[in-house]
């Protein structure tokens, strides 16, 4: 009887403590959450600091306690940045933009989209200034859009052209007996090339050179127009590192003056007696300027597909057929949604998940216009889910194509033989089985190869039907080859160059609607347990420790190998080892 009484008392005590803990968190959240509403003051300069990670879409509705306690992963949404700059054009409290950011935590296509929006902002007659101690190449590309561009007298500009470096592991595999067994289709499908060769193939070098030159031509054309420097001279500047100090940068017209930050602040203030205020892009967005207001009941649905494609539910960072297909169905069944825009920013991934998403889009396309907008990446599986749209719009610097598939499985048989370990198997049937401790047998290879070929054929057929091309025409530009948006216009994989707003306008035209509002999908919610991952007490995860120990570049190498090790099923994926610098 005493045991039962004690048990009941313990249970009651546990729930009482849990209730008190909840009340404690709620009270703290109330105090912390009682922040003053952000007000845009008159005579303000909008400051662009883009060093926070930028995603196409950052919609997460956080647990209010987690949000108040700042247990959230800070990020900026590209769509909100674009909307904020659009609103700033006509906001009489904003007198100009100051681009002042240590670096840009975004892809080249995202950076170009922001740059284009700032170019539009200049049409308002308001100023755009830029200042930095040191300009990275991507930062300089964005900042060059400014009316006046300034550099610290002891600063420098990193302007040297684009490059990429790929590590090859074939000799390492042969030496240590740890390798990846690979089955692929596509001579350009170089995601797995480092595991098959000890140097870059001619085909891979050809495609890499091609897309780097295409992206570089976009960058130099934009800078040439803004800074009134010929493309030929810009290439000479890059060849000779003629941004290496402020004096040489000024001589080559890369900047307008070399000044200190206090002098820059004086320029922002101008001759006005009224105090100049500064508001960050983050605060400006949070003040309500990150959206475009509309009262129309007609809607254009924008569905964001961002991240690697995995088979499963998915999340804000990974595309899964679960969440994405629910969003597509929801948009299709909403009578007020007149058209769908799929915003793709993905290197691809699971071929099966890509096919399932393709199917849901195909069903929706029969009922409503479907337009695709491509971000930094819309390659391989990312192109698979895009290919059946009524219209495809890409940024000039988008990486797309990579129509090819592969399968890769780790194998340790040589390693275990070398250290004296033998694996023995017992089976009831002679099926096409595989063990990481035995060499891949011909039967398993043949079955896997058949699967790869079947999916490649399906992939090409999907593109062929969606783009109104023959199988042979698609196969000619497929084989896993990567193209930029600019190149994809020429070979028929893309219809038009432009950004997300261009895609939304195109969808509205196809739906024959003039007044509409944008509805973003999917909706994501974070519970307190997930939010605790971002607590200062939980930051020391394995990834954080490795990143701090190895540095960003070495961590990226580890991350790429780790991703390859964990791939499941046949993949339609871009060569993820490309790091454009």
Protein backbone atom coordinates (compact mmCIF):
# COMPACT_ATOMS: atom_id res chain seq x y z
CA UNK A 1 0.00 0.00 0.00
CA UNK A 2 2.90 2.31 0.86
CA UNK A 3 4.49 1.46 -2.51
CA UNK A 4 1.30 2.44 -4.38
CA UNK A 5 1.03 5.69 -2.39
CA UNK A 6 4.65 6.56 -3.12
CA UNK A 7 4.19 5.73 -6.81
CA UNK A 8 1.14 7.98 -7.10
CA UNK A 9 2.95 10.76 -5.23
CA UNK A 10 5.91 10.47 -7.61
CA UNK A 11 3.67 10.63 -10.68
CA UNK A 12 1.79 13.62 -9.24
CA UNK A 13 5.09 15.32 -8.39
CA UNK A 14 6.42 14.75 -11.89
CA UNK A 15 3.39 16.33 -13.59
CA UNK A 16 3.34 19.19 -11.08
CA UNK A 17 7.01 19.92 -11.81
CA UNK A 18 6.32 19.69 -15.54
CA UNK A 19 3.44 22.16 -15.21
CA UNK A 20 5.53 24.59 -13.15
CA UNK A 21 8.36 24.35 -15.69
CA UNK A 22 5.93 25.17 -18.49
CA UNK A 23 4.58 28.16 -16.54
CA UNK A 24 8.18 29.29 -15.89
CA UNK A 25 9.04 29.18 -19.61
CA UNK A 26 5.76 30.90 -20.48
CA UNK A 27 6.44 33.76 -18.05
CA UNK A 28 10.00 34.21 -19.32
CA UNK A 29 8.74 34.11 -22.90
CA UNK A 30 6.16 36.77 -22.07
CA UNK A 31 8.80 39.09 -20.66
CA UNK A 32 11.31 38.49 -23.43
CA UNK A 33 8.65 38.52 -26.12
CA UNK A 34 7.33 41.88 -25.02
CA UNK A 35 9.60 43.67 -27.44
CA UNK A 36 8.86 47.07 -28.84
CA UNK A 37 7.33 47.05 -32.27
CA UNK A 38 9.89 47.99 -34.90
CA UNK A 39 9.13 51.41 -36.34
CA UNK A 40 10.82 52.78 -39.47
CA UNK A 41 12.01 56.28 -38.60
CA UNK A 42 12.06 59.15 -41.07
CA UNK A 43 15.30 59.94 -42.90
CA UNK A 44 16.44 56.30 -42.67
CA UNK A 45 19.05 54.42 -44.66
CA UNK A 46 18.32 50.73 -45.32
CA UNK A 47 21.49 48.78 -44.53
CA UNK A 48 22.07 45.51 -46.36
CA UNK A 49 24.04 43.08 -44.23
CA UNK A 50 23.78 39.75 -46.04
CA UNK A 51 26.20 37.73 -43.91
CA UNK A 52 23.27 35.84 -42.33
CA UNK A 53 22.48 32.62 -44.27
CA UNK A 54 20.04 33.40 -47.09
CA UNK A 55 17.49 30.83 -48.19
CA UNK A 56 14.93 31.17 -50.95
CA UNK A 57 12.23 30.67 -48.35
CA UNK A 58 12.44 30.85 -44.53
CA UNK A 59 8.82 30.46 -43.42
CA UNK A 60 9.21 28.58 -40.16
CA UNK A 61 6.51 29.30 -37.59
CA UNK A 62 8.44 28.74 -34.38
CA UNK A 63 7.14 27.76 -31.01
CA UNK A 64 6.50 31.15 -29.33
CA UNK A 65 8.54 30.20 -26.25
CA UNK A 66 11.45 29.08 -28.42
CA UNK A 67 11.19 32.26 -30.47
CA UNK A 68 11.10 34.50 -27.43
CA UNK A 69 14.12 32.72 -25.93
CA UNK A 70 15.92 33.08 -29.28
CA UNK A 71 16.30 29.31 -29.70
CA UNK A 72 15.94 29.64 -33.46
CA UNK A 73 18.26 29.27 -36.40
CA UNK A 74 18.71 32.80 -37.77
CA UNK A 75 18.34 33.17 -41.52
CA UNK A 76 17.03 35.60 -44.14
CA UNK A 77 14.54 34.72 -46.85
CA UNK A 78 15.36 35.83 -50.39
CA UNK A 79 11.69 36.48 -51.19
CA UNK A 80 11.43 38.83 -48.19
CA UNK A 81 14.66 40.66 -49.08
CA UNK A 82 13.33 41.25 -52.61
CA UNK A 83 9.97 42.45 -51.25
CA UNK A 84 11.67 44.75 -48.73
CA UNK A 85 13.76 46.46 -51.41
CA UNK A 86 10.63 46.81 -53.57
CA UNK A 87 8.79 48.47 -50.66
CA UNK A 88 11.78 50.73 -49.93
CA UNK A 89 11.45 52.24 -53.42
CA UNK A 90 8.23 54.03 -52.46
CA UNK A 91 8.76 54.29 -48.70
CA UNK A 92 9.21 58.03 -48.04
CA UNK A 93 11.02 57.21 -44.78
CA UNK A 94 13.81 55.44 -46.67
CA UNK A 95 16.22 57.84 -48.38
CA UNK A 96 18.70 55.28 -49.70
CA UNK A 97 20.45 51.92 -49.38
CA UNK A 98 23.83 51.21 -47.83
CA UNK A 99 25.44 47.91 -48.85
CA UNK A 100 27.69 47.08 -45.92
CA UNK A 101 28.29 43.40 -45.36
CA UNK A 102 31.42 41.43 -44.44
CA UNK A 103 30.50 38.71 -46.91
CA UNK A 104 27.43 37.37 -48.73
CA UNK A 105 26.00 34.12 -47.41
CA UNK A 106 24.10 33.30 -50.60
CA UNK A 107 24.58 31.59 -53.95
CA UNK A 108 25.51 33.48 -57.10
CA UNK A 109 22.00 33.31 -58.57
CA UNK A 110 20.52 34.64 -55.30
CA UNK A 111 23.15 37.40 -55.25
CA UNK A 112 22.31 38.32 -58.84
CA UNK A 113 18.60 38.47 -57.99
CA UNK A 114 19.27 40.90 -55.12
CA UNK A 115 21.60 42.94 -57.34
CA UNK A 116 18.94 43.21 -60.05
CA UNK A 117 16.41 44.39 -57.46
CA UNK A 118 18.80 47.09 -56.22
CA UNK A 119 19.24 48.17 -59.85
CA UNK A 120 15.45 48.62 -60.02
CA UNK A 121 15.50 50.50 -56.70
CA UNK A 122 17.87 53.09 -58.22
CA UNK A 123 15.09 54.08 -60.64
CA UNK A 124 13.39 55.75 -57.65
CA UNK A 125 16.14 58.38 -57.61
CA UNK A 126 17.27 57.37 -54.12
CA UNK A 127 20.98 56.72 -53.58
CA UNK A 128 22.79 53.39 -53.23
CA UNK A 129 26.19 53.48 -51.51
CA UNK A 130 28.54 50.61 -50.64
CA UNK A 131 31.42 50.41 -48.18
CA UNK A 132 33.75 47.71 -46.92
CA UNK A 133 37.17 47.13 -45.39
CA UNK A 134 37.71 44.12 -47.67
CA UNK A 135 35.54 43.00 -50.57
CA UNK A 136 35.22 39.32 -51.36
CA UNK A 137 34.55 38.65 -55.04
CA UNK A 138 30.85 37.93 -54.58
CA UNK A 139 30.52 40.94 -52.27
CA UNK A 140 32.17 43.18 -54.86
CA UNK A 141 29.85 41.84 -57.56
CA UNK A 142 26.82 42.89 -55.52
CA UNK A 143 28.32 46.19 -54.32
CA UNK A 144 29.36 47.27 -57.81
CA UNK A 145 25.70 48.12 -58.48
CA UNK A 146 26.04 51.12 -56.12
CA UNK A 147 26.12 54.72 -57.32
CA UNK A 148 29.23 55.21 -55.20
CA UNK A 149 31.51 52.45 -53.97
CA UNK A 150 34.03 53.00 -51.17
CA UNK A 151 36.93 51.02 -49.71
CA UNK A 152 38.97 51.40 -46.55
CA UNK A 153 42.38 53.01 -47.39
CA UNK A 154 44.17 49.86 -46.20
CA UNK A 155 41.58 47.49 -47.63
CA UNK A 156 41.56 45.25 -50.71
CA UNK A 157 39.26 43.73 -53.33
CA UNK A 158 39.47 40.03 -54.14
CA UNK A 159 38.84 40.08 -57.89
CA UNK A 160 40.50 37.16 -59.67
CA UNK A 161 37.94 35.21 -61.68
CA UNK A 162 36.20 31.94 -60.83
CA UNK A 163 37.78 28.59 -60.04
CA UNK A 164 36.93 25.23 -58.57
CA UNK A 165 38.98 22.40 -57.10
CA UNK A 166 38.00 18.73 -56.92
CA UNK A 167 39.77 16.05 -54.87
CA UNK A 168 40.16 12.57 -56.38
CA UNK A 169 40.29 9.45 -54.22
CA UNK A 170 41.08 6.55 -56.59
CA UNK A 171 44.71 6.14 -55.45
CA UNK A 172 43.60 6.39 -51.81
CA UNK A 173 40.99 3.68 -52.43
CA UNK A 174 43.56 1.39 -54.07
CA UNK A 175 46.06 1.95 -51.27
CA UNK A 176 43.74 1.40 -48.31
CA UNK A 177 41.05 -0.85 -49.80
CA UNK A 178 38.14 1.42 -48.86
CA UNK A 179 36.18 2.47 -51.92
CA UNK A 180 32.81 3.30 -53.48
CA UNK A 181 31.27 0.85 -55.94
CA UNK A 182 29.65 2.99 -58.65
CA UNK A 183 27.11 2.35 -61.40
CA UNK A 184 26.15 5.39 -63.50
CA UNK A 185 24.72 6.64 -66.79
CA UNK A 186 26.06 9.83 -68.27
CA UNK A 187 29.64 10.57 -69.28
CA UNK A 188 29.35 13.95 -67.51
CA UNK A 189 27.87 12.46 -64.32
CA UNK A 190 30.90 13.55 -62.36
CA UNK A 191 29.37 13.40 -58.87
CA UNK A 192 31.04 10.00 -58.58
CA UNK A 193 34.08 10.62 -60.79
CA UNK A 194 36.46 11.23 -57.84
CA UNK A 195 35.84 7.64 -56.75
CA UNK A 196 36.60 6.20 -60.20
CA UNK A 197 39.60 8.22 -61.41
CA UNK A 198 42.69 9.90 -60.03
CA UNK A 199 42.35 12.94 -62.29
CA UNK A 200 39.65 14.98 -64.01
CA UNK A 201 38.19 13.49 -67.18
CA UNK A 202 38.15 15.52 -70.41
CA UNK A 203 34.33 15.51 -70.35
CA UNK A 204 34.22 16.87 -66.81
CA UNK A 205 36.86 19.52 -67.57
CA UNK A 206 34.86 20.58 -70.62
CA UNK A 207 31.59 21.09 -68.69
CA UNK A 208 33.33 22.73 -65.71
CA UNK A 209 35.16 25.22 -67.92
CA UNK A 210 31.95 25.94 -69.82
CA UNK A 211 29.75 26.76 -66.85
CA UNK A 212 32.47 28.72 -65.02
CA UNK A 213 32.99 30.89 -68.10
CA UNK A 214 29.24 31.36 -68.47
CA UNK A 215 28.84 32.53 -64.85
CA UNK A 216 31.94 34.75 -65.10
CA UNK A 217 30.59 36.38 -68.26
CA UNK A 218 27.41 37.33 -66.35
CA UNK A 219 29.42 38.80 -63.49
CA UNK A 220 31.74 40.82 -65.74
CA UNK A 221 28.88 42.07 -67.95
CA UNK A 222 27.01 43.39 -64.91
CA UNK A 223 30.09 44.99 -63.37
CA UNK A 224 31.11 46.46 -66.72
CA UNK A 225 27.73 48.15 -67.08
CA UNK A 226 27.69 49.53 -63.52
CA UNK A 227 31.33 50.65 -63.29
CA UNK A 228 31.78 51.63 -66.94
CA UNK A 229 34.81 49.36 -67.31
CA UNK A 230 35.20 47.21 -70.41
CA UNK A 231 34.99 43.45 -70.01
CA UNK A 232 38.48 43.16 -71.53
CA UNK A 233 39.86 45.47 -68.84
CA UNK A 234 37.99 43.62 -66.08
CA UNK A 235 39.68 40.40 -67.17
CA UNK A 236 43.06 42.13 -67.14
CA UNK A 237 42.29 43.40 -63.63
CA UNK A 238 41.45 39.83 -62.56
CA UNK A 239 44.57 38.40 -64.23
CA UNK A 240 46.84 40.89 -62.45
CA UNK A 241 45.01 41.12 -59.09
CA UNK A 242 44.54 44.83 -59.60
CA UNK A 243 42.23 45.16 -56.65
CA UNK A 244 44.89 44.06 -54.17
CA UNK A 245 45.05 47.45 -52.45
CA UNK A 246 42.98 50.63 -52.35
CA UNK A 247 45.38 52.71 -54.43
CA UNK A 248 45.45 50.25 -57.35
CA UNK A 249 41.70 49.61 -57.07
CA UNK A 250 41.03 53.36 -57.35
CA UNK A 251 43.39 53.69 -60.31
CA UNK A 252 41.45 50.92 -62.11
CA UNK A 253 38.05 52.48 -61.32
CA UNK A 254 36.95 49.56 -59.14
CA UNK A 255 36.04 52.08 -56.42
CA UNK A 256 35.11 55.76 -56.25
CA UNK A 257 37.21 56.67 -53.21
CA UNK A 258 39.24 55.14 -50.37
CA UNK A 259 37.84 56.46 -47.08
CA UNK A 260 37.43 55.41 -43.47
CA UNK A 261 34.12 54.24 -42.03
CA UNK A 262 33.46 57.50 -40.13
CA UNK A 263 33.88 59.40 -43.41
CA UNK A 264 31.45 56.97 -45.05
CA UNK A 265 28.88 57.65 -42.32
CA UNK A 266 29.23 61.38 -43.04
CA UNK A 267 28.46 60.71 -46.71
CA UNK A 268 25.34 58.75 -45.73
CA UNK A 269 24.20 61.68 -43.61
CA UNK A 270 24.73 64.11 -46.49
CA UNK A 271 24.14 67.84 -45.98
CA UNK A 272 20.78 67.43 -44.23
CA UNK A 273 20.45 68.85 -40.72
CA UNK A 274 17.99 66.09 -39.85
CA UNK A 275 19.51 63.10 -38.07
CA UNK A 276 20.16 60.14 -40.36
CA UNK A 277 18.88 56.83 -39.00
CA UNK A 278 19.94 53.36 -40.06
CA UNK A 279 17.68 50.32 -40.18
CA UNK A 280 18.95 46.82 -40.96
CA UNK A 281 17.33 44.73 -43.68
CA UNK A 282 16.32 42.23 -40.96
CA UNK A 283 14.50 44.88 -38.90
CA UNK A 284 12.94 46.40 -42.00
CA UNK A 285 11.54 42.99 -42.91
CA UNK A 286 10.31 42.43 -39.34
CA UNK A 287 8.54 45.80 -39.43
CA UNK A 288 6.20 44.27 -42.01
CA UNK A 289 8.04 45.37 -45.15
CA UNK A 290 8.99 41.83 -46.13
CA UNK A 291 5.71 41.24 -47.90
CA UNK A 292 3.70 42.90 -50.65
CA UNK A 293 0.17 43.70 -49.46
CA UNK A 294 -2.87 42.75 -51.51
CA UNK A 295 -6.56 42.23 -50.75
CA UNK A 296 -7.35 40.20 -53.86
CA UNK A 297 -8.97 36.82 -53.28
CA UNK A 298 -7.21 35.40 -56.36
CA UNK A 299 -3.87 33.83 -55.47
CA UNK A 300 -0.72 32.60 -57.16
CA UNK A 301 0.76 29.73 -55.16
CA UNK A 302 4.55 29.69 -54.83
CA UNK A 303 5.79 26.29 -53.68
CA UNK A 304 9.41 26.29 -52.51
CA UNK A 305 11.43 23.13 -53.14
CA UNK A 306 14.84 23.73 -51.57
CA UNK A 307 17.63 21.36 -50.57
CA UNK A 308 18.63 17.80 -51.43
CA UNK A 309 15.82 15.52 -52.56
CA UNK A 310 15.25 12.62 -50.17
CA UNK A 311 12.68 9.84 -50.09
CA UNK A 312 10.41 10.64 -47.15
CA UNK A 313 8.55 13.47 -45.46
CA UNK A 314 11.21 16.17 -45.96
CA UNK A 315 11.74 19.40 -44.04
CA UNK A 316 12.61 23.06 -44.57
CA UNK A 317 16.13 21.99 -45.55
CA UNK A 318 15.35 18.81 -47.52
CA UNK A 319 12.84 18.14 -50.29
CA UNK A 320 10.73 15.09 -49.51
CA UNK A 321 7.72 13.94 -51.48
CA UNK A 322 5.68 14.00 -48.26
CA UNK A 323 5.63 17.72 -47.45
CA UNK A 324 6.01 18.96 -51.05
CA UNK A 325 3.20 16.82 -52.44
CA UNK A 326 0.87 17.92 -49.62
CA UNK A 327 1.63 21.53 -50.55
CA UNK A 328 0.98 20.86 -54.25
CA UNK A 329 -2.35 19.15 -53.49
CA UNK A 330 -3.38 21.98 -51.18
CA UNK A 331 -2.66 24.58 -53.87
CA UNK A 332 -4.46 22.51 -56.50
CA UNK A 333 -7.61 22.08 -54.42
CA UNK A 334 -7.80 25.76 -53.42
CA UNK A 335 -10.25 27.37 -55.86
CA UNK A 336 -8.73 30.79 -55.18
CA UNK A 337 -5.30 29.60 -56.38
CA UNK A 338 -5.27 30.34 -60.09
CA UNK A 339 -1.74 29.15 -60.94
CA UNK A 340 1.24 27.43 -59.35
CA UNK A 341 4.88 28.53 -59.35
CA UNK A 342 7.42 25.92 -58.27
CA UNK A 343 10.59 27.60 -57.00
CA UNK A 344 13.40 25.04 -57.26
CA UNK A 345 16.75 25.35 -55.51
CA UNK A 346 18.10 21.81 -55.45
CA UNK A 347 21.10 19.73 -56.60
CA UNK A 348 18.80 16.70 -56.88
CA UNK A 349 18.89 13.44 -54.96
CA UNK A 350 16.53 10.48 -54.75
CA UNK A 351 15.24 9.51 -58.20
CA UNK A 352 12.17 7.83 -56.68
CA UNK A 353 11.16 10.93 -54.69
CA UNK A 354 11.74 13.07 -57.80
CA UNK A 355 9.38 10.85 -59.80
CA UNK A 356 6.69 11.04 -57.11
CA UNK A 357 6.89 14.85 -57.01
CA UNK A 358 6.87 14.96 -60.84
CA UNK A 359 3.66 12.93 -60.85
CA UNK A 360 1.90 15.28 -58.41
CA UNK A 361 2.94 18.27 -60.51
CA UNK A 362 1.71 16.54 -63.67
CA UNK A 363 -1.73 16.09 -62.09
CA UNK A 364 -1.79 19.74 -61.02
CA UNK A 365 -0.70 20.97 -64.44
CA UNK A 366 -3.88 19.49 -65.92
CA UNK A 367 -5.96 21.81 -63.72
CA UNK A 368 -3.86 24.96 -63.31
CA UNK A 369 -0.94 26.66 -65.09
CA UNK A 370 2.45 25.55 -63.77
CA UNK A 371 5.56 27.73 -64.00
CA UNK A 372 9.01 26.87 -62.64
CA UNK A 373 11.44 29.43 -61.22
CA UNK A 374 15.02 28.23 -60.81
CA UNK A 375 17.33 29.54 -58.09
CA UNK A 376 21.01 28.73 -57.53
CA UNK A 377 20.53 25.09 -58.50
CA UNK A 378 17.86 23.16 -60.37
CA UNK A 379 19.94 20.21 -61.51
CA UNK A 380 19.46 16.49 -61.97
CA UNK A 381 16.53 15.60 -59.68
CA UNK A 382 15.96 19.34 -59.37
CA UNK A 383 15.46 19.47 -63.14
CA UNK A 384 13.42 16.25 -63.07
CA UNK A 385 10.70 17.93 -60.97
CA UNK A 386 10.85 21.07 -63.13
CA UNK A 387 10.75 19.62 -66.64
CA UNK A 388 6.97 19.25 -67.06
CA UNK A 389 6.12 22.91 -66.37
CA UNK A 390 4.25 25.06 -68.88
CA UNK A 391 7.16 27.51 -68.62
CA UNK A 392 10.63 27.35 -67.08
CA UNK A 393 12.39 30.55 -66.00
CA UNK A 394 15.97 30.51 -64.70
CA UNK A 395 18.51 33.05 -63.53
CA UNK A 396 21.42 33.39 -66.01
CA UNK A 397 23.76 31.96 -63.33
CA UNK A 398 21.48 29.07 -62.31
CA UNK A 399 23.17 25.66 -62.48
CA UNK A 400 20.76 23.26 -64.18
CA UNK A 401 20.59 20.20 -66.42
CA UNK A 402 22.72 17.29 -65.15
CA UNK A 403 20.21 14.85 -66.62
CA UNK A 404 21.78 11.58 -65.51
CA UNK A 405 21.65 9.01 -62.70
CA UNK A 406 23.99 6.92 -60.61
CA UNK A 407 24.16 4.46 -57.75
CA UNK A 408 27.06 4.37 -55.28
CA UNK A 409 27.70 1.90 -52.45
CA UNK A 410 30.69 1.75 -50.06
CA UNK A 411 32.87 -1.35 -50.20
CA UNK A 412 35.50 -2.45 -47.64
CA UNK A 413 36.43 -5.89 -49.02
CA UNK A 414 40.07 -5.06 -49.84
CA UNK A 415 40.52 -3.30 -46.51
CA UNK A 416 39.16 -6.24 -44.48
CA UNK A 417 41.31 -8.69 -46.50
CA UNK A 418 44.40 -6.61 -45.72
CA UNK A 419 43.79 -6.65 -41.96
CA UNK A 420 42.85 -10.33 -41.85
CA UNK A 421 39.05 -10.19 -41.51
CA UNK A 422 36.88 -12.57 -43.53
CA UNK A 423 33.11 -12.25 -43.91
CA UNK A 424 31.04 -15.37 -44.67
CA UNK A 425 27.41 -15.28 -45.82
CA UNK A 426 24.56 -17.80 -45.62
CA UNK A 427 21.47 -17.33 -47.84
CA UNK A 428 18.39 -19.31 -48.81
CA UNK A 429 18.46 -18.08 -52.41
CA UNK A 430 20.98 -17.06 -55.04
CA UNK A 431 19.62 -13.50 -55.32
CA UNK A 432 21.48 -10.39 -56.42
CA UNK A 433 22.69 -9.60 -52.92
CA UNK A 434 25.48 -7.30 -51.80
CA UNK A 435 27.85 -7.15 -48.84
CA UNK A 436 30.21 -4.27 -48.13
CA UNK A 437 32.77 -6.91 -47.10
CA UNK A 438 32.73 -8.76 -50.45
CA UNK A 439 33.58 -7.52 -53.98
CA UNK A 440 30.50 -6.57 -56.00
CA UNK A 441 29.42 -9.65 -57.97
CA UNK A 442 28.32 -9.50 -61.60
CA UNK A 443 24.73 -10.44 -60.84
CA UNK A 444 24.27 -7.51 -58.43
CA UNK A 445 26.04 -5.16 -60.86
CA UNK A 446 23.77 -6.23 -63.75
CA UNK A 447 20.58 -5.71 -61.71
CA UNK A 448 21.76 -2.30 -60.46
CA UNK A 449 22.88 -1.26 -63.94
CA UNK A 450 19.47 -2.23 -65.30
CA UNK A 451 17.83 -0.02 -62.67
CA UNK A 452 20.12 2.92 -63.50
CA UNK A 453 19.41 2.58 -67.22
CA UNK A 454 15.65 2.30 -66.63
CA UNK A 455 15.56 5.46 -64.51
CA UNK A 456 17.77 7.34 -66.99
CA UNK A 457 15.42 6.39 -69.83
CA UNK A 458 12.40 7.49 -67.75
CA UNK A 459 14.16 10.76 -66.87
CA UNK A 460 14.92 11.54 -70.52
CA UNK A 461 11.35 10.65 -71.51
CA UNK A 462 10.00 13.02 -68.86
CA UNK A 463 12.16 15.84 -70.22
CA UNK A 464 11.30 14.92 -73.80
CA UNK A 465 7.54 15.16 -73.12
CA UNK A 466 7.81 18.27 -70.94
CA UNK A 467 10.06 20.22 -73.33
CA UNK A 468 8.47 18.96 -76.55
CA UNK A 469 11.76 17.46 -77.76
CA UNK A 470 12.65 14.05 -79.14
CA UNK A 471 14.39 11.46 -76.98
CA UNK A 472 17.50 11.85 -79.14
CA UNK A 473 17.53 15.65 -78.75
CA UNK A 474 17.37 15.38 -74.96
CA UNK A 475 19.92 12.57 -74.82
CA UNK A 476 22.35 14.74 -76.77
CA UNK A 477 22.34 17.46 -74.09
CA UNK A 478 21.84 15.06 -71.16
CA UNK A 479 24.48 12.48 -70.14
CA UNK A 480 24.71 14.23 -66.77
CA UNK A 481 26.08 17.47 -68.26
CA UNK A 482 25.70 20.67 -66.23
CA UNK A 483 24.56 23.92 -67.88
CA UNK A 484 24.02 27.46 -66.65
CA UNK A 485 20.63 29.11 -67.16
CA UNK A 486 22.21 31.21 -69.89
CA UNK A 487 23.38 28.06 -71.73
CA UNK A 488 20.11 26.22 -71.06
CA UNK A 489 18.18 28.86 -73.02
CA UNK A 490 20.21 27.94 -76.08
CA UNK A 491 19.67 24.17 -75.81
CA UNK A 492 15.96 24.29 -74.96
CA UNK A 493 16.01 23.24 -71.31
CA UNK A 494 14.83 26.71 -70.19
CA UNK A 495 12.32 29.14 -71.75
CA UNK A 496 13.28 32.49 -70.29
CA UNK A 497 15.88 34.21 -68.11
CA UNK A 498 14.59 35.98 -65.03
CA UNK A 499 13.80 35.75 -61.34
CA UNK A 500 10.95 34.60 -59.14
CA UNK A 501 8.86 37.72 -59.79
CA UNK A 502 9.12 37.08 -63.53
CA UNK A 503 7.83 33.55 -62.94
CA UNK A 504 4.93 34.84 -60.84
CA UNK A 505 3.99 37.34 -63.58
CA UNK A 506 4.18 34.59 -66.21
CA UNK A 507 1.91 32.34 -64.11
CA UNK A 508 -0.61 35.19 -63.71
CA UNK A 509 -0.61 35.76 -67.47
CA UNK A 510 -1.22 32.07 -68.16
CA UNK A 511 -4.06 32.11 -65.61
CA UNK A 512 -5.38 35.38 -67.09
CA UNK A 513 -5.51 37.18 -63.73
CA UNK A 514 -4.33 40.75 -63.15
CA UNK A 515 -5.00 41.34 -59.46
CA UNK A 516 -3.68 38.63 -57.17
CA UNK A 517 -1.71 37.96 -54.03
CA UNK A 518 1.07 35.44 -53.48
CA UNK A 519 0.52 32.46 -51.18
CA UNK A 520 3.70 30.69 -50.10
CA UNK A 521 3.93 26.93 -49.43
CA UNK A 522 4.75 24.72 -47.55
CA UNK A 523 4.09 25.71 -43.94
CA UNK A 524 6.68 24.55 -41.43
CA UNK A 525 6.40 24.52 -37.66
CA UNK A 526 9.08 23.96 -35.07
CA UNK A 527 8.34 22.53 -31.66
CA UNK A 528 10.38 23.41 -28.57
CA UNK A 529 12.37 20.17 -28.73
CA UNK A 530 13.63 20.97 -32.25
CA UNK A 531 14.25 24.60 -31.34
CA UNK A 532 16.49 23.54 -28.44
CA UNK A 533 19.03 22.43 -31.07
CA UNK A 534 19.80 26.12 -31.56
CA UNK A 535 20.23 26.82 -27.83
CA UNK A 536 23.73 27.96 -26.78
CA UNK A 537 23.85 24.81 -24.63
CA UNK A 538 23.24 22.54 -27.61
CA UNK A 539 25.54 24.19 -30.14
CA UNK A 540 28.39 21.76 -29.54
CA UNK A 541 27.05 19.15 -31.95
CA UNK A 542 29.35 16.85 -33.88
CA UNK A 543 29.04 19.08 -36.96
CA UNK A 544 29.85 22.26 -35.03
CA UNK A 545 32.90 20.68 -33.42
CA UNK A 546 34.15 19.33 -36.76
CA UNK A 547 33.59 22.66 -38.51
CA UNK A 548 35.50 24.52 -35.83
CA UNK A 549 38.33 21.96 -35.83
CA UNK A 550 38.67 21.38 -39.59
CA UNK A 551 37.78 24.82 -40.95
CA UNK A 552 35.05 25.48 -43.54
CA UNK A 553 36.79 24.00 -46.61
CA UNK A 554 37.98 20.79 -44.92
CA UNK A 555 34.60 20.37 -43.23
CA UNK A 556 32.93 20.68 -46.64
CA UNK A 557 35.12 17.80 -47.91
CA UNK A 558 34.10 15.67 -44.92
CA UNK A 559 30.46 16.64 -45.44
CA UNK A 560 30.53 15.64 -49.13
CA UNK A 561 32.02 12.22 -48.42
CA UNK A 562 29.58 11.72 -45.54
CA UNK A 563 26.65 12.57 -47.84
CA UNK A 564 27.87 10.11 -50.47
CA UNK A 565 28.14 7.39 -47.85
CA UNK A 566 24.54 7.90 -46.77
CA UNK A 567 22.86 8.03 -50.19
CA UNK A 568 20.00 5.56 -50.49
CA UNK A 569 18.68 4.24 -53.78
CA UNK A 570 19.52 5.38 -57.30
CA UNK A 571 20.37 9.08 -57.42
CA UNK A 572 19.63 11.87 -59.86
CA UNK A 573 22.10 14.34 -58.41
CA UNK A 574 24.45 17.13 -59.55
CA UNK A 575 28.24 16.84 -59.06
CA UNK A 576 27.97 18.16 -55.51
CA UNK A 577 31.77 18.34 -55.10
CA UNK A 578 31.91 21.56 -57.19
CA UNK A 579 32.78 24.51 -54.96
CA UNK A 580 32.92 27.64 -57.11
CA UNK A 581 35.34 30.20 -55.63
